[in-house]
Protein backbone atom coordinates (compact mmCIF):
# COMPACT_ATOMS: atom_id res chain seq x y z
CA MET A 1 0.00 0.00 0.00
CA LEU A 2 2.75 2.46 1.01
CA GLN A 3 4.81 1.46 -2.02
CA ARG A 4 1.88 2.20 -4.31
CA LEU A 5 1.39 5.57 -2.57
CA TYR A 6 5.10 6.38 -2.97
CA PHE A 7 5.17 5.59 -6.68
CA SER A 8 1.91 7.51 -7.21
CA ALA A 9 3.43 10.53 -5.46
CA LEU A 10 6.53 10.21 -7.64
CA GLY A 11 4.43 10.08 -10.79
CA VAL A 12 2.33 13.13 -9.91
CA SER A 13 5.43 14.96 -8.74
CA ALA A 14 7.27 14.17 -11.97
CA ILE A 15 4.48 15.73 -14.06
CA SER A 16 4.30 18.82 -11.81
CA ASN A 17 8.08 19.17 -11.67
CA PHE A 18 8.28 19.04 -15.46
CA VAL A 19 6.04 22.12 -15.49
CA GLY A 20 8.28 23.66 -12.83
CA LEU A 21 11.33 22.88 -14.96
CA ILE A 22 9.79 24.80 -17.87
CA MET A 23 8.92 27.73 -15.59
CA ASN A 24 12.43 27.99 -14.16
CA LEU A 25 13.96 27.73 -17.63
CA PHE A 26 11.63 30.58 -18.61
CA ILE A 27 12.79 32.66 -15.60
CA ALA A 28 16.46 32.09 -16.43
CA VAL A 29 16.10 32.75 -20.19
CA ILE A 30 14.09 35.97 -19.81
CA ASN A 31 16.53 37.41 -17.26
CA TYR A 32 19.51 36.41 -19.42
CA LYS A 33 17.98 37.99 -22.55
CA THR A 34 17.30 41.20 -20.62
CA TRP A 35 20.90 41.30 -19.42
CA VAL A 36 22.24 40.73 -22.96
CA GLN A 37 19.96 43.37 -24.53
CA SER A 38 20.51 46.09 -21.92
CA HIS A 39 24.12 45.10 -21.05
CA ARG A 40 23.25 45.42 -17.38
CA SER A 41 21.17 43.58 -14.84
CA SER A 42 19.63 44.57 -11.53
CA SER A 43 20.55 42.78 -8.31
CA SER A 44 17.17 41.05 -8.06
CA ASP A 45 17.34 39.86 -11.68
CA ARG A 46 20.79 38.36 -11.12
CA ILE A 47 19.51 36.45 -8.11
CA LEU A 48 16.41 35.32 -10.03
CA PHE A 49 18.64 34.09 -12.86
CA SER A 50 20.67 32.08 -10.33
CA VAL A 51 17.48 30.68 -8.77
CA GLY A 52 16.09 29.72 -12.19
CA ILE A 53 19.26 27.91 -13.29
CA THR A 54 19.63 26.10 -9.96
CA ARG A 55 16.04 24.90 -9.86
CA PHE A 56 16.13 23.91 -13.51
CA LEU A 57 19.08 21.61 -12.74
CA MET A 58 17.41 20.38 -9.54
CA LEU A 59 14.21 19.36 -11.26
CA GLY A 60 16.22 17.82 -14.08
CA VAL A 61 18.04 15.65 -11.53
CA PHE A 62 14.70 14.63 -9.99
CA LEU A 63 13.16 13.72 -13.34
CA LEU A 64 16.27 11.72 -14.25
CA TYR A 65 15.99 9.84 -10.95
CA VAL A 66 12.30 9.07 -11.53
CA PHE A 67 13.13 7.90 -15.07
CA CYS A 68 15.84 5.56 -13.74
CA LEU A 69 13.50 4.34 -11.00
CA PHE A 70 10.72 3.34 -13.40
CA THR A 71 12.98 1.97 -16.14
CA ALA A 72 15.46 0.17 -13.86
CA PRO A 73 13.68 -1.39 -10.86
CA ASN A 74 17.01 -2.15 -9.14
CA THR A 75 17.84 1.56 -8.84
CA GLU A 76 16.05 1.95 -5.49
CA ARG A 77 17.71 -1.19 -4.10
CA SER A 78 21.17 0.07 -4.91
CA VAL A 79 23.00 2.07 -2.26
CA TYR A 80 25.15 4.25 -4.49
CA ILE A 81 22.65 5.46 -7.11
CA PRO A 82 20.07 6.97 -4.69
CA THR A 83 22.93 8.45 -2.64
CA SER A 84 24.45 10.06 -5.74
CA PHE A 85 21.13 11.61 -6.70
CA GLN A 86 20.57 12.78 -3.13
CA VAL A 87 24.00 14.45 -2.97
CA CYS A 88 23.40 16.29 -6.27
CA TRP A 89 19.92 17.28 -5.13
CA MET A 90 21.21 18.52 -1.75
CA PHE A 91 23.90 20.72 -3.31
CA LEU A 92 21.50 22.31 -5.79
CA ASP A 93 18.71 22.59 -3.22
CA SER A 94 21.01 24.29 -0.71
CA ASN A 95 22.11 26.72 -3.42
CA GLY A 96 18.50 27.48 -4.32
CA LEU A 97 17.48 28.06 -0.71
CA TRP A 98 20.42 30.39 -0.06
CA PHE A 99 19.67 32.32 -3.26
CA VAL A 100 16.02 32.71 -2.22
CA THR A 101 17.15 33.84 1.24
CA LEU A 102 19.40 36.45 -0.37
CA LEU A 103 16.51 37.57 -2.59
CA ASN A 104 14.17 38.00 0.39
CA VAL A 105 16.82 39.95 2.30
CA LEU A 106 17.28 42.21 -0.74
CA TYR A 107 13.54 42.86 -1.01
CA CYS A 108 13.35 43.46 2.75
CA VAL A 109 16.07 46.13 2.88
CA ARG A 110 14.74 47.82 -0.27
CA ILE A 111 11.06 48.00 0.64
CA THR A 112 11.07 48.37 4.42
CA ASP A 113 11.74 51.78 5.98
CA PHE A 114 13.48 50.64 9.16
CA GLN A 115 16.27 52.98 10.32
CA HIS A 116 18.25 50.41 12.29
CA PRO A 117 22.02 50.61 11.58
CA VAL A 118 22.03 47.00 10.32
CA PHE A 119 19.39 47.81 7.69
CA LEU A 120 21.19 50.96 6.64
CA LEU A 121 24.43 49.01 6.30
CA LEU A 122 22.71 46.34 4.20
CA LYS A 123 21.10 48.96 1.95
CA ARG A 124 24.51 50.47 1.19
CA ASN A 125 26.50 47.27 0.75
CA LEU A 126 24.15 44.49 -0.40
CA SER A 127 23.95 45.32 -4.11
CA PRO A 128 27.66 46.22 -4.63
CA LYS A 129 28.77 42.98 -2.98
CA LEU A 130 26.13 40.75 -4.58
CA SER A 131 28.60 38.76 -6.72
CA GLY A 132 30.63 37.85 -3.65
CA LEU A 133 27.47 36.88 -1.75
CA LEU A 134 26.32 34.61 -4.58
CA LEU A 135 29.74 32.93 -4.59
CA ALA A 136 29.53 32.57 -0.80
CA CYS A 137 26.15 30.83 -1.18
CA VAL A 138 27.73 28.30 -3.55
CA LEU A 139 30.69 27.70 -1.22
CA VAL A 140 28.49 27.22 1.84
CA SER A 141 26.32 24.78 -0.12
CA ALA A 142 29.41 22.85 -1.24
CA ILE A 143 30.71 22.63 2.34
CA THR A 144 27.38 21.45 3.78
CA THR A 145 27.04 18.89 1.00
CA LEU A 146 30.57 17.65 1.73
CA LEU A 147 29.65 17.27 5.41
CA HIS A 148 26.60 15.26 4.38
CA VAL A 149 28.74 12.98 2.19
CA VAL A 150 31.15 12.43 5.09
CA ILE A 151 28.22 11.44 7.31
CA LEU A 152 26.93 8.97 4.70
CA GLN A 153 30.39 7.46 4.28
CA THR A 154 31.01 7.23 8.03
CA LEU A 155 27.76 5.55 9.07
CA PRO A 156 28.53 2.09 7.59
CA PHE A 157 31.72 1.83 9.66
CA SER A 158 31.89 0.11 13.00
CA GLU A 159 30.92 2.06 16.08
CA PHE A 160 34.48 2.35 17.40
CA VAL A 161 37.73 2.96 15.54
CA ILE A 162 41.18 2.41 17.09
CA ARG A 163 43.55 5.27 16.40
CA ARG A 164 47.28 4.84 15.75
CA ASN A 165 48.17 5.76 19.33
CA GLY A 166 45.91 3.00 20.62
CA THR A 167 43.05 5.19 21.89
CA ILE A 168 39.48 4.40 20.93
CA PHE A 169 37.49 6.95 18.96
CA ASP A 170 33.69 6.80 18.91
CA VAL A 171 32.64 7.26 15.28
CA HIS A 172 29.10 8.18 16.30
CA GLU A 173 30.40 11.21 18.22
CA GLY A 174 32.00 12.50 15.00
CA VAL A 175 28.82 11.85 13.04
CA LEU A 176 26.78 13.64 15.69
CA SER A 177 29.00 16.73 15.58
CA LEU A 178 28.75 16.86 11.76
CA ALA A 179 24.98 16.42 11.89
CA ILE A 180 24.73 19.25 14.44
CA SER A 181 26.77 21.48 12.11
CA LEU A 182 24.36 20.75 9.24
CA VAL A 183 21.35 21.50 11.45
CA LEU A 184 22.85 24.79 12.65
CA VAL A 185 23.60 25.99 9.10
CA SER A 186 20.08 25.07 7.96
CA PHE A 187 18.57 26.70 11.04
CA LEU A 188 20.54 29.92 10.43
CA ARG A 189 19.26 30.06 6.84
CA PHE A 190 15.73 29.38 8.06
CA ILE A 191 15.89 32.18 10.65
CA ILE A 192 17.27 34.72 8.15
CA ASN A 193 14.62 33.82 5.57
CA VAL A 194 11.65 33.84 7.94
CA THR A 195 12.82 37.02 9.70
CA SER A 196 13.33 39.01 6.49
CA THR A 197 10.00 37.82 5.06
CA SER A 198 8.15 38.58 8.31
CA LEU A 199 9.65 42.08 8.47
CA LEU A 200 8.62 42.64 4.86
CA ILE A 201 5.07 41.48 5.62
CA HIS A 202 4.95 43.78 8.67
CA SER A 203 6.16 46.75 6.60
CA LEU A 204 3.62 46.06 3.84
CA ARG A 205 0.81 45.88 6.40
CA ARG A 206 1.80 49.28 7.80
CA HIS A 207 1.90 50.79 4.31
CA ILE A 208 -1.55 49.37 3.53
CA GLN A 209 -3.01 50.73 6.77
CA LYS A 210 -1.60 54.19 6.04
CA MET A 211 -2.97 54.12 2.49
CA GLN A 212 -6.40 53.03 3.69
CA GLY A 213 -6.38 55.78 6.32
CA ASN A 214 -5.56 58.41 3.69
CA ALA A 215 -7.89 56.98 1.04
CA SER A 216 -10.75 59.10 -0.21
CA GLY A 217 -13.02 56.18 -0.93
CA PHE A 218 -11.91 55.62 -4.51
CA TRP A 219 -10.17 52.52 -5.84
CA ASN A 220 -6.39 52.80 -5.41
CA PRO A 221 -4.20 50.64 -7.68
CA GLN A 222 -1.16 51.16 -5.40
CA THR A 223 -3.05 49.80 -2.41
CA GLU A 224 -4.16 46.79 -4.45
CA ALA A 225 -0.53 46.14 -5.48
CA HIS A 226 0.60 46.24 -1.84
CA VAL A 227 -2.21 43.87 -0.82
CA GLY A 228 -1.21 41.48 -3.60
CA ALA A 229 2.45 41.59 -2.54
CA LEU A 230 1.43 40.95 1.08
CA LYS A 231 -0.64 37.89 0.13
CA LEU A 232 2.17 36.48 -2.01
CA MET A 233 4.73 36.81 0.81
CA VAL A 234 2.33 34.99 3.14
CA TYR A 235 1.93 32.25 0.52
CA PHE A 236 5.72 32.00 0.30
CA LEU A 237 6.00 31.40 4.06
CA LEU A 238 3.26 28.77 3.90
CA LEU A 239 5.27 26.94 1.23
CA TYR A 240 8.74 27.53 2.67
CA ILE A 241 8.30 26.51 6.32
CA PRO A 242 6.99 22.94 5.72
CA TYR A 243 9.60 22.45 2.97
CA SER A 244 12.46 23.47 5.27
CA VAL A 245 11.28 21.15 8.04
CA ILE A 246 10.83 18.09 5.81
CA ASN A 247 14.12 18.85 4.07
CA LEU A 248 15.99 18.85 7.35
CA ILE A 249 14.55 15.43 8.18
CA THR A 250 15.59 14.14 4.77
CA TYR A 251 19.22 15.15 5.20
CA LEU A 252 19.62 13.65 8.66
CA PRO A 253 21.50 10.33 9.01
CA TYR A 254 19.60 7.18 8.03
CA SER A 255 17.23 9.24 5.87
CA LEU A 256 17.68 6.80 2.97
CA ALA A 257 15.86 4.22 5.05
CA MET A 258 12.89 6.48 5.85
CA ASP A 259 9.41 5.10 5.85
CA LEU A 260 7.77 5.28 2.43
CA GLY A 261 4.97 7.39 3.88
CA ILE A 262 7.48 10.05 5.04
CA ARG A 263 9.21 9.93 1.65
CA SER A 264 5.87 10.36 -0.14
CA LEU A 265 5.08 13.39 2.06
CA ASN A 266 8.54 14.80 1.35
CA THR A 267 8.02 14.39 -2.40
CA ILE A 268 4.64 16.15 -2.32
CA ILE A 269 5.82 19.07 -0.14
CA SER A 270 8.95 19.54 -2.27
CA THR A 271 6.81 19.70 -5.41
CA PHE A 272 4.43 22.24 -3.88
CA TYR A 273 7.31 24.48 -2.81
CA LEU A 274 9.47 24.35 -5.94
CA VAL A 275 6.63 24.67 -8.45
CA GLY A 276 4.52 27.00 -6.30
CA HIS A 277 7.32 29.45 -5.50
CA SER A 278 8.47 29.52 -9.13
CA LEU A 279 4.90 30.43 -10.11
CA LEU A 280 4.84 33.16 -7.44
CA ILE A 281 8.07 34.62 -8.85
CA ILE A 282 6.54 34.85 -12.32
CA LEU A 283 3.29 36.38 -11.03
CA THR A 284 5.07 39.03 -8.93
CA HIS A 285 7.71 40.04 -11.48
CA PRO A 286 6.23 42.54 -14.00
CA ARG A 287 8.51 41.62 -16.91
CA LEU A 288 8.17 37.87 -16.38
CA LYS A 289 4.40 38.19 -16.00
CA THR A 290 4.12 40.23 -19.22
CA LYS A 291 6.26 37.77 -21.20
CA ALA A 292 4.30 34.81 -19.84
CA LYS A 293 1.00 36.43 -20.87
CA LYS A 294 2.33 37.03 -24.38
CA ILE A 295 3.45 33.40 -24.72
CA LEU A 296 0.13 32.04 -23.42
CA CYS A 297 -1.90 34.36 -25.65
CA CYS A 298 0.09 33.34 -28.72
CA ASN A 299 -0.51 29.67 -27.97
CA LYS A 300 -4.27 30.12 -27.75
């Protein structure tokens, strides 16, 4: 029963993720064409291009795994093939999450009107140092992925290892310290993302209340735009928080042997987040939304 549920979730997720793959390719191509035509690119567009490329590769890895799983039944029984896909997925997923965190921080410091010294410092230095921050996101993702690989390689060993000087070293203590490091890095990213998004939501609510207080009773397009942005940020949090929690469980030791029900839930939540957030990006970005409307209208 659980196996049938797992394969059904994989099938539905594969179809949805194929749509998400197309959407992220669209995000990357449109931002790249804009950069080539104008010979410059804004900070948010550079981050969106990085997000689009990363998620395009992520979803490609997932679809390749599903293809191998359905065409080669022994893929799931093998130890190395699922681990290889998981390592590739983790590196790309960590990159994508850090890029999204950087994007939310950028929106937060641009839109909010807080006068705290930290915000003022970020407003002055975030855009000029964006290239270095993007590189730092990649390096942090590579380090956390390497830690995860070390944990996977260490677990099959015996519980105790005798060092050269004759002392006994508990392997599980080393694994525990590495796992704690992974949790702390993921928790830091989670806190930064949720905090910046929550501050942005709070700032938008204050702007909306001021606009409604000064309104003369007529329809205000600016107020409607702020309300739409507020709703979309709330939708992002509703997608991001469950995805972060289930992702953390997936990357913990022994996650390859998870119950099929947990793995099915993880597959569904991952699909909702990756496809849903990509759709939100297109709907909230004026140029992407306009291009998408033109493509859809031409296909009708």
